Amino acid sequence: MISQKGGVFMFLRAQLSAQMATIADFLVTILLVRLFDVYYVYATLAGAIYGGIINCIINYKWTFKSKGKKTHVAVKFIIVWVCSIWLNTWGTYTLTLAKIPWVRDTLSQYFGDFFIIPKVVVAVIVALFWNYNMQRFFVYRNIDIRSLFKRN
């Protein structure tokens, strides 16, 4: 059983890890869009992949201090990560295309790349409601992935 104090520190470590991964994600995304003129949806996907790799390594070694087999953790992380990438990529795309012209026009005056605002909103929602919970209760638990698919 995780103590209340231990749970709070785990959450804080997870948030710090997520922030480091997010910085890497956004850096890759913005560099691809600005320097290499990559379409923002593809750049968002590439940034999410890079950030996910960083997040997995930090969380395995430091945040959750996993003792599970690396291959089992990696398989579970990839399952959760693919969903996270999909949520982030399509969430950003959907919010960028939102049919609220006055919001888009107003924000576009202050931000040259309007997609950054939806990307931030989606990233926060996905991080808090999907990534943290799935990593804490599924990925870094010492559960053999094969046991989830065994029939009784």
Foldseek 3Di string as FASTA:
>chain_A
DADPVRVVQLVVQLVVLLVVLVVQLVVQLCCCCPVVVDDSLVSNLVSLVSSLVSSLVCCCVPRLVFPADPVQLVVLSVVLSVVLSVQLSVQLVVVQPDPPVVVQVVVCVVDVDSSVVSSVVSSVCCSVPRVVVSCVPPRRDRDRPVVVVDDD
